Amino acid sequence: MNTARIILLIIFIIVSVALSAIVLLQEGKSAGLGAISGAAETYWGKNKGRSMEGKLVKITRFLAIGFMILAIALDVVISKL
């Protein structure tokens, strides 16, 4: 059980650092003055899922889900000790 705890803790730390880095790499969600003139509905706005920003959002979701699952797993493993 101690080995499982150590492995989960190492993975948890790696996911935490990766999640922090990915969140810091993302742009702010404030649209600025472009939202007033409707510039947000351009080609790049519609295809945001294929851009680097879209990939960062998908990676963030994946890492956040992994973070929560690992936190629950660590709680279960530690509470059994």
PDB file of N, CA and C in Angstrom:
ATOM      1  N   MET A   1       0.815  -1.194   0.000  1.00  0.00           N
ATOM      2  CA  MET A   1       0.000   0.000   0.000  1.00  0.00           C
ATOM      3  C   MET A   1       0.863   1.264   0.000  1.00  0.00           C
ATOM      4  N   ASN A   2       2.007   1.177   0.640  1.00  0.00           N
ATOM      5  CA  ASN A   2       2.893   2.332   0.696  1.00  0.00           C
ATOM      6  C   ASN A   2       3.447   2.662  -0.691  1.00  0.00           C
ATOM      7  N   THR A   3       3.718   1.640  -1.497  1.00  0.00           N
ATOM      8  CA  THR A   3       4.231   1.861  -2.852  1.00  0.00           C
ATOM      9  C   THR A   3       3.183   2.544  -3.719  1.00  0.00           C
ATOM     10  N   ALA A   4       1.932   2.126  -3.597  1.00  0.00           N
ATOM     11  CA  ALA A   4       0.850   2.745  -4.366  1.00  0.00           C
ATOM     12  C   ALA A   4       0.696   4.215  -3.994  1.00  0.00           C
ATOM     13  N   ARG A   5       0.835   4.513  -2.704  1.00  0.00           N
ATOM     14  CA  ARG A   5       0.732   5.899  -2.246  1.00  0.00           C
ATOM     15  C   ARG A   5       1.841   6.762  -2.831  1.00  0.00           C
ATOM     16  N   ILE A   6       3.055   6.235  -2.857  1.00  0.00           N
ATOM     17  CA  ILE A   6       4.191   6.992  -3.387  1.00  0.00           C
ATOM     18  C   ILE A   6       4.030   7.224  -4.889  1.00  0.00           C
ATOM     19  N   ILE A   7       3.600   6.197  -5.618  1.00  0.00           N
ATOM     20  CA  ILE A   7       3.402   6.342  -7.068  1.00  0.00           C
ATOM     21  C   ILE A   7       2.301   7.347  -7.367  1.00  0.00           C
ATOM     22  N   LEU A   8       1.175   7.250  -6.646  1.00  0.00           N
ATOM     23  CA  LEU A   8       0.083   8.205  -6.855  1.00  0.00           C
ATOM     24  C   LEU A   8       0.516   9.625  -6.510  1.00  0.00           C
ATOM     25  N   LEU A   9       1.300   9.766  -5.464  1.00  0.00           N
ATOM     26  CA  LEU A   9       1.767  11.094  -5.062  1.00  0.00           C
ATOM     27  C   LEU A   9       2.690  11.708  -6.108  1.00  0.00           C
ATOM     28  N   ILE A  10       3.572  10.902  -6.687  1.00  0.00           N
ATOM     29  CA  ILE A  10       4.468  11.411  -7.732  1.00  0.00           C
ATOM     30  C   ILE A  10       3.672  11.832  -8.967  1.00  0.00           C
ATOM     31  N   ILE A  11       2.718  11.001  -9.384  1.00  0.00           N
ATOM     32  CA  ILE A  11       1.876  11.346 -10.537  1.00  0.00           C
ATOM     33  C   ILE A  11       1.055  12.594 -10.237  1.00  0.00           C
ATOM     34  N   PHE A  12       0.558  12.696  -9.003  1.00  0.00           N
ATOM     35  CA  PHE A  12      -0.235  13.862  -8.595  1.00  0.00           C
ATOM     36  C   PHE A  12       0.594  15.152  -8.682  1.00  0.00           C
ATOM     37  N   ILE A  13       1.832  15.101  -8.262  1.00  0.00           N
ATOM     38  CA  ILE A  13       2.710  16.274  -8.318  1.00  0.00           C
ATOM     39  C   ILE A  13       2.984  16.665  -9.772  1.00  0.00           C
ATOM     40  N   ILE A  14       3.230  15.674 -10.628  1.00  0.00           N
ATOM     41  CA  ILE A  14       3.486  15.957 -12.043  1.00  0.00           C
ATOM     42  C   ILE A  14       2.257  16.590 -12.699  1.00  0.00           C
ATOM     43  N   VAL A  15       1.077  16.039 -12.416  1.00  0.00           N
ATOM     44  CA  VAL A  15      -0.158  16.593 -12.988  1.00  0.00           C
ATOM     45  C   VAL A  15      -0.401  18.004 -12.457  1.00  0.00           C
ATOM     46  N   SER A  16      -0.124  18.241 -11.190  1.00  0.00           N
ATOM     47  CA  SER A  16      -0.321  19.570 -10.598  1.00  0.00           C
ATOM     48  C   SER A  16       0.574  20.620 -11.261  1.00  0.00           C
ATOM     49  N   VAL A  17       1.828  20.280 -11.450  1.00  0.00           N
ATOM     50  CA  VAL A  17       2.759  21.221 -12.083  1.00  0.00           C
ATOM     51  C   VAL A  17       2.368  21.459 -13.542  1.00  0.00           C
ATOM     52  N   ALA A  18       1.997  20.391 -14.250  1.00  0.00           N
ATOM     53  CA  ALA A  18       1.586  20.527 -15.653  1.00  0.00           C
ATOM     54  C   ALA A  18       0.323  21.370 -15.771  1.00  0.00           C
ATOM     55  N   LEU A  19      -0.636  21.152 -14.882  1.00  0.00           N
ATOM     56  CA  LEU A  19      -1.875  21.937 -14.904  1.00  0.00           C
ATOM     57  C   LEU A  19      -1.600  23.412 -14.654  1.00  0.00           C
ATOM     58  N   SER A  20      -0.723  23.698 -13.711  1.00  0.00           N
ATOM     59  CA  SER A  20      -0.366  25.093 -13.427  1.00  0.00           C
ATOM     60  C   SER A  20       0.303  25.744 -14.633  1.00  0.00           C
ATOM     61  N   ALA A  21       1.202  25.032 -15.286  1.00  0.00           N
ATOM     62  CA  ALA A  21       1.908  25.582 -16.443  1.00  0.00           C
ATOM     63  C   ALA A  21       0.953  25.823 -17.610  1.00  0.00           C
ATOM     64  N   ILE A  22       0.041  24.883 -17.868  1.00  0.00           N
ATOM     65  CA  ILE A  22      -0.897  25.028 -18.977  1.00  0.00           C
ATOM     66  C   ILE A  22      -1.846  26.198 -18.734  1.00  0.00           C
ATOM     67  N   VAL A  23      -2.297  26.360 -17.500  1.00  0.00           N
ATOM     68  CA  VAL A  23      -3.191  27.486 -17.192  1.00  0.00           C
ATOM     69  C   VAL A  23      -2.465  28.813 -17.397  1.00  0.00           C
ATOM     70  N   LEU A  24      -1.206  28.880 -17.018  1.00  0.00           N
ATOM     71  CA  LEU A  24      -0.450  30.120 -17.190  1.00  0.00           C
ATOM     72  C   LEU A  24      -0.146  30.421 -18.659  1.00  0.00           C
ATOM     73  N   LEU A  25      -0.108  29.410 -19.511  1.00  0.00           N
ATOM     74  CA  LEU A  25       0.159  29.613 -20.932  1.00  0.00           C
ATOM     75  C   LEU A  25      -1.043  30.174 -21.690  1.00  0.00           C
ATOM     76  N   GLN A  26      -2.234  30.016 -21.138  1.00  0.00           N
ATOM     77  CA  GLN A  26      -3.441  30.437 -21.848  1.00  0.00           C
ATOM     78  C   GLN A  26      -3.612  31.948 -21.822  1.00  0.00           C
ATOM     79  N   GLU A  27      -4.297  32.437 -22.859  1.00  0.00           N
ATOM     80  CA  GLU A  27      -4.606  33.863 -22.930  1.00  0.00           C
ATOM     81  C   GLU A  27      -5.789  34.172 -22.033  1.00  0.00           C
ATOM     82  N   GLY A  28      -5.942  35.438 -21.704  1.00  0.00           N
ATOM     83  CA  GLY A  28      -7.093  35.866 -20.936  1.00  0.00           C
ATOM     84  C   GLY A  28      -8.365  35.764 -21.764  1.00  0.00           C
ATOM     85  N   LYS A  29      -9.488  35.619 -21.098  1.00  0.00           N
ATOM     86  CA  LYS A  29     -10.760  35.465 -21.807  1.00  0.00           C
ATOM     87  C   LYS A  29     -11.467  36.799 -22.056  1.00  0.00           C
ATOM     88  N   SER A  30     -10.864  37.901 -21.674  1.00  0.00           N
ATOM     89  CA  SER A  30     -11.494  39.195 -21.922  1.00  0.00           C
ATOM     90  C   SER A  30     -11.407  39.519 -23.404  1.00  0.00           C
ATOM     91  N   ALA A  31     -12.541  39.826 -23.983  1.00  0.00           N
ATOM     92  CA  ALA A  31     -12.603  40.046 -25.431  1.00  0.00           C
ATOM     93  C   ALA A  31     -12.121  41.439 -25.819  1.00  0.00           C
ATOM     94  N   GLY A  32     -12.166  42.360 -24.903  1.00  0.00           N
ATOM     95  CA  GLY A  32     -11.736  43.714 -25.221  1.00  0.00           C
ATOM     96  C   GLY A  32     -12.716  44.416 -26.140  1.00  0.00           C
ATOM     97  N   LEU A  33     -12.205  45.337 -26.975  1.00  0.00           N
ATOM     98  CA  LEU A  33     -13.070  46.094 -27.869  1.00  0.00           C
ATOM     99  C   LEU A  33     -13.496  45.292 -29.091  1.00  0.00           C
ATOM    100  N   GLY A  34     -12.876  44.154 -29.343  1.00  0.00           N
ATOM    101  CA  GLY A  34     -13.242  43.345 -30.490  1.00  0.00           C
ATOM    102  C   GLY A  34     -14.646  42.780 -30.387  1.00  0.00           C
ATOM    103  N   ALA A  35     -15.132  42.600 -29.178  1.00  0.00           N
ATOM    104  CA  ALA A  35     -16.476  42.050 -28.990  1.00  0.00           C
ATOM    105  C   ALA A  35     -17.542  43.071 -29.360  1.00  0.00           C
ATOM    106  N   ILE A  36     -17.227  44.344 -29.265  1.00  0.00           N
ATOM    107  CA  ILE A  36     -18.212  45.377 -29.586  1.00  0.00           C
ATOM    108  C   ILE A  36     -18.514  45.387 -31.080  1.00  0.00           C
ATOM    109  N   SER A  37     -17.491  45.254 -31.896  1.00  0.00           N
ATOM    110  CA  SER A  37     -17.684  45.323 -33.342  1.00  0.00           C
ATOM    111  C   SER A  37     -18.014  43.968 -33.967  1.00  0.00           C
ATOM    112  N   GLY A  38     -18.041  42.919 -33.173  1.00  0.00           N
ATOM    113  CA  GLY A  38     -18.353  41.599 -33.709  1.00  0.00           C
ATOM    114  C   GLY A  38     -17.159  40.888 -34.295  1.00  0.00           C
ATOM    115  N   ALA A  39     -15.970  41.297 -33.973  1.00  0.00           N
ATOM    116  CA  ALA A  39     -14.763  40.697 -34.532  1.00  0.00           C
ATOM    117  C   ALA A  39     -14.508  39.297 -33.973  1.00  0.00           C
ATOM    118  N   ALA A  40     -15.226  38.930 -32.918  1.00  0.00           N
ATOM    119  CA  ALA A  40     -15.018  37.606 -32.322  1.00  0.00           C
ATOM    120  C   ALA A  40     -15.573  36.506 -33.214  1.00  0.00           C
ATOM    121  N   GLU A  41     -16.455  36.828 -34.137  1.00  0.00           N
ATOM    122  CA  GLU A  41     -17.062  35.832 -35.010  1.00  0.00           C
ATOM    123  C   GLU A  41     -16.319  35.710 -36.334  1.00  0.00           C
ATOM    124  N   THR A  42     -15.037  35.811 -36.316  1.00  0.00           N
ATOM    125  CA  THR A  42     -14.239  35.651 -37.520  1.00  0.00           C
ATOM    126  C   THR A  42     -13.913  34.184 -37.731  1.00  0.00           C
ATOM    127  N   TYR A  43     -13.180  33.903 -38.768  1.00  0.00           N
ATOM    128  CA  TYR A  43     -12.772  32.529 -39.063  1.00  0.00           C
ATOM    129  C   TYR A  43     -11.992  31.926 -37.903  1.00  0.00           C
ATOM    130  N   TRP A  44     -11.093  32.698 -37.325  1.00  0.00           N
ATOM    131  CA  TRP A  44     -10.265  32.181 -36.241  1.00  0.00           C
ATOM    132  C   TRP A  44     -11.086  31.969 -34.985  1.00  0.00           C
ATOM    133  N   GLY A  45     -12.116  32.754 -34.778  1.00  0.00           N
ATOM    134  CA  GLY A  45     -12.977  32.571 -33.617  1.00  0.00           C
ATOM    135  C   GLY A  45     -13.803  31.307 -33.723  1.00  0.00           C
ATOM    136  N   LYS A  46     -14.251  30.978 -34.940  1.00  0.00           N
ATOM    137  CA  LYS A  46     -15.070  29.782 -35.134  1.00  0.00           C
ATOM    138  C   LYS A  46     -14.241  28.505 -35.086  1.00  0.00           C
ATOM    139  N   ASN A  47     -13.010  28.552 -35.519  1.00  0.00           N
ATOM    140  CA  ASN A  47     -12.150  27.371 -35.555  1.00  0.00           C
ATOM    141  C   ASN A  47     -11.145  27.357 -34.416  1.00  0.00           C
ATOM    142  N   LYS A  48     -11.556  27.843 -33.282  1.00  0.00           N
ATOM    143  CA  LYS A  48     -10.641  27.948 -32.156  1.00  0.00           C
ATOM    144  C   LYS A  48     -10.234  26.573 -31.617  1.00  0.00           C
ATOM    145  N   GLY A  49     -11.066  25.545 -31.821  1.00  0.00           N
ATOM    146  CA  GLY A  49     -10.738  24.208 -31.341  1.00  0.00           C
ATOM    147  C   GLY A  49      -9.538  23.607 -32.043  1.00  0.00           C
ATOM    148  N   ARG A  50      -9.245  24.073 -33.243  1.00  0.00           N
ATOM    149  CA  ARG A  50      -8.102  23.553 -33.996  1.00  0.00           C
ATOM    150  C   ARG A  50      -6.832  24.352 -33.761  1.00  0.00           C
ATOM    151  N   SER A  51      -6.953  25.494 -33.117  1.00  0.00           N
ATOM    152  CA  SER A  51      -5.788  26.337 -32.884  1.00  0.00           C
ATOM    153  C   SER A  51      -5.044  25.879 -31.630  1.00  0.00           C
ATOM    154  N   MET A  52      -3.944  26.529 -31.357  1.00  0.00           N
ATOM    155  CA  MET A  52      -3.151  26.207 -30.171  1.00  0.00           C
ATOM    156  C   MET A  52      -3.942  26.501 -28.898  1.00  0.00           C
ATOM    157  N   GLU A  53      -4.715  27.579 -28.921  1.00  0.00           N
ATOM    158  CA  GLU A  53      -5.530  27.928 -27.755  1.00  0.00           C
ATOM    159  C   GLU A  53      -6.577  26.861 -27.477  1.00  0.00           C
ATOM    160  N   GLY A  54      -7.170  26.328 -28.534  1.00  0.00           N
ATOM    161  CA  GLY A  54      -8.152  25.264 -28.369  1.00  0.00           C
ATOM    162  C   GLY A  54      -7.530  24.002 -27.799  1.00  0.00           C
ATOM    163  N   LYS A  55      -6.314  23.699 -28.243  1.00  0.00           N
ATOM    164  CA  LYS A  55      -5.614  22.523 -27.721  1.00  0.00           C
ATOM    165  C   LYS A  55      -5.257  22.708 -26.246  1.00  0.00           C
ATOM    166  N   LEU A  56      -4.875  23.918 -25.882  1.00  0.00           N
ATOM    167  CA  LEU A  56      -4.558  24.189 -24.483  1.00  0.00           C
ATOM    168  C   LEU A  56      -5.793  24.022 -23.600  1.00  0.00           C
ATOM    169  N   VAL A  57      -6.957  24.430 -24.098  1.00  0.00           N
ATOM    170  CA  VAL A  57      -8.200  24.272 -23.334  1.00  0.00           C
ATOM    171  C   VAL A  57      -8.516  22.790 -23.145  1.00  0.00           C
ATOM    172  N   LYS A  58      -8.333  21.991 -24.197  1.00  0.00           N
ATOM    173  CA  LYS A  58      -8.605  20.551 -24.093  1.00  0.00           C
ATOM    174  C   LYS A  58      -7.633  19.883 -23.129  1.00  0.00           C
ATOM    175  N   ILE A  59      -6.374  20.264 -23.182  1.00  0.00           N
ATOM    176  CA  ILE A  59      -5.375  19.692 -22.278  1.00  0.00           C
ATOM    177  C   ILE A  59      -5.687  20.095 -20.835  1.00  0.00           C
ATOM    178  N   THR A  60      -6.136  21.337 -20.642  1.00  0.00           N
ATOM    179  CA  THR A  60      -6.491  21.808 -19.307  1.00  0.00           C
ATOM    180  C   THR A  60      -7.627  20.989 -18.732  1.00  0.00           C
ATOM    181  N   ARG A  61      -8.644  20.717 -19.547  1.00  0.00           N
ATOM    182  CA  ARG A  61      -9.769  19.896 -19.069  1.00  0.00           C
ATOM    183  C   ARG A  61      -9.304  18.503 -18.689  1.00  0.00           C
ATOM    184  N   PHE A  62      -8.477  17.899 -19.529  1.00  0.00           N
ATOM    185  CA  PHE A  62      -7.967  16.557 -19.263  1.00  0.00           C
ATOM    186  C   PHE A  62      -7.157  16.526 -17.967  1.00  0.00           C
ATOM    187  N   LEU A  63      -6.275  17.498 -17.787  1.00  0.00           N
ATOM    188  CA  LEU A  63      -5.448  17.543 -16.585  1.00  0.00           C
ATOM    189  C   LEU A  63      -6.280  17.842 -15.337  1.00  0.00           C
ATOM    190  N   ALA A  64      -7.303  18.672 -15.459  1.00  0.00           N
ATOM    191  CA  ALA A  64      -8.164  18.980 -14.308  1.00  0.00           C
ATOM    192  C   ALA A  64      -8.939  17.743 -13.863  1.00  0.00           C
ATOM    193  N   ILE A  65      -9.427  16.967 -14.824  1.00  0.00           N
ATOM    194  CA  ILE A  65     -10.131  15.732 -14.483  1.00  0.00           C
ATOM    195  C   ILE A  65      -9.157  14.743 -13.829  1.00  0.00           C
ATOM    196  N   GLY A  66      -7.954  14.633 -14.395  1.00  0.00           N
ATOM    197  CA  GLY A  66      -6.937  13.765 -13.806  1.00  0.00           C
ATOM    198  C   GLY A  66      -6.552  14.204 -12.405  1.00  0.00           C
ATOM    199  N   PHE A  67      -6.467  15.510 -12.200  1.00  0.00           N
ATOM    200  CA  PHE A  67      -6.143  16.063 -10.883  1.00  0.00           C
ATOM    201  C   PHE A  67      -7.185  15.650  -9.854  1.00  0.00           C
ATOM    202  N   MET A  68      -8.451  15.777 -10.214  1.00  0.00           N
ATOM    203  CA  MET A  68      -9.528  15.431  -9.282  1.00  0.00           C
ATOM    204  C   MET A  68      -9.553  13.934  -8.988  1.00  0.00           C
ATOM    205  N   ILE A  69      -9.374  13.110 -10.016  1.00  0.00           N
ATOM    206  CA  ILE A  69      -9.373  11.660  -9.816  1.00  0.00           C
ATOM    207  C   ILE A  69      -8.200  11.236  -8.934  1.00  0.00           C
ATOM    208  N   LEU A  70      -7.028  11.819  -9.184  1.00  0.00           N
ATOM    209  CA  LEU A  70      -5.859  11.491  -8.367  1.00  0.00           C
ATOM    210  C   LEU A  70      -6.020  11.969  -6.925  1.00  0.00           C
ATOM    211  N   ALA A  71      -6.651  13.128  -6.735  1.00  0.00           N
ATOM    212  CA  ALA A  71      -6.873  13.626  -5.376  1.00  0.00           C
ATOM    213  C   ALA A  71      -7.795  12.691  -4.602  1.00  0.00           C
ATOM    214  N   ILE A  72      -8.841  12.206  -5.261  1.00  0.00           N
ATOM    215  CA  ILE A  72      -9.754  11.267  -4.605  1.00  0.00           C
ATOM    216  C   ILE A  72      -9.046   9.939  -4.336  1.00  0.00           C
ATOM    217  N   ALA A  73      -8.268   9.454  -5.296  1.00  0.00           N
ATOM    218  CA  ALA A  73      -7.543   8.193  -5.118  1.00  0.00           C
ATOM    219  C   ALA A  73      -6.532   8.300  -3.976  1.00  0.00           C
ATOM    220  N   LEU A  74      -5.848   9.416  -3.902  1.00  0.00           N
ATOM    221  CA  LEU A  74      -4.891   9.610  -2.802  1.00  0.00           C
ATOM    222  C   LEU A  74      -5.602   9.640  -1.453  1.00  0.00           C
ATOM    223  N   ASP A  75      -6.761  10.263  -1.406  1.00  0.00           N
ATOM    224  CA  ASP A  75      -7.525  10.312  -0.163  1.00  0.00           C
ATOM    225  C   ASP A  75      -7.946   8.912   0.254  1.00  0.00           C
ATOM    226  N   VAL A  76      -8.374   8.101  -0.689  1.00  0.00           N
ATOM    227  CA  VAL A  76      -8.786   6.732  -0.378  1.00  0.00           C
ATOM    228  C   VAL A  76      -7.598   5.907   0.107  1.00  0.00           C
ATOM    229  N   VAL A  77      -6.461   6.038  -0.569  1.00  0.00           N
ATOM    230  CA  VAL A  77      -5.281   5.255  -0.208  1.00  0.00           C
ATOM    231  C   VAL A  77      -4.751   5.684   1.170  1.00  0.00           C
ATOM    232  N   ILE A  78      -4.715   6.976   1.417  1.00  0.00           N
ATOM    233  CA  ILE A  78      -4.180   7.469   2.690  1.00  0.00           C
ATOM    234  C   ILE A  78      -5.128   7.144   3.836  1.00  0.00           C
ATOM    235  N   SER A  79      -6.435   7.180   3.603  1.00  0.00           N
ATOM    236  CA  SER A  79      -7.382   6.918   4.687  1.00  0.00           C
ATOM    237  C   SER A  79      -7.384   5.446   5.094  1.00  0.00           C
ATOM    238  N   LYS A  80      -6.899   4.552   4.227  1.00  0.00           N
ATOM    239  CA  LYS A  80      -6.834   3.131   4.578  1.00  0.00           C
ATOM    240  C   LYS A  80      -5.619   2.811   5.431  1.00  0.00           C
ATOM    241  N   LEU A  81      -4.695   3.738   5.562  1.00  0.00           N
ATOM    242  CA  LEU A  81      -3.493   3.477   6.377  1.00  0.00           C
ATOM    243  C   LEU A  81      -3.778   3.606   7.844  1.00  0.00           C
TER     244      LEU A  81
END
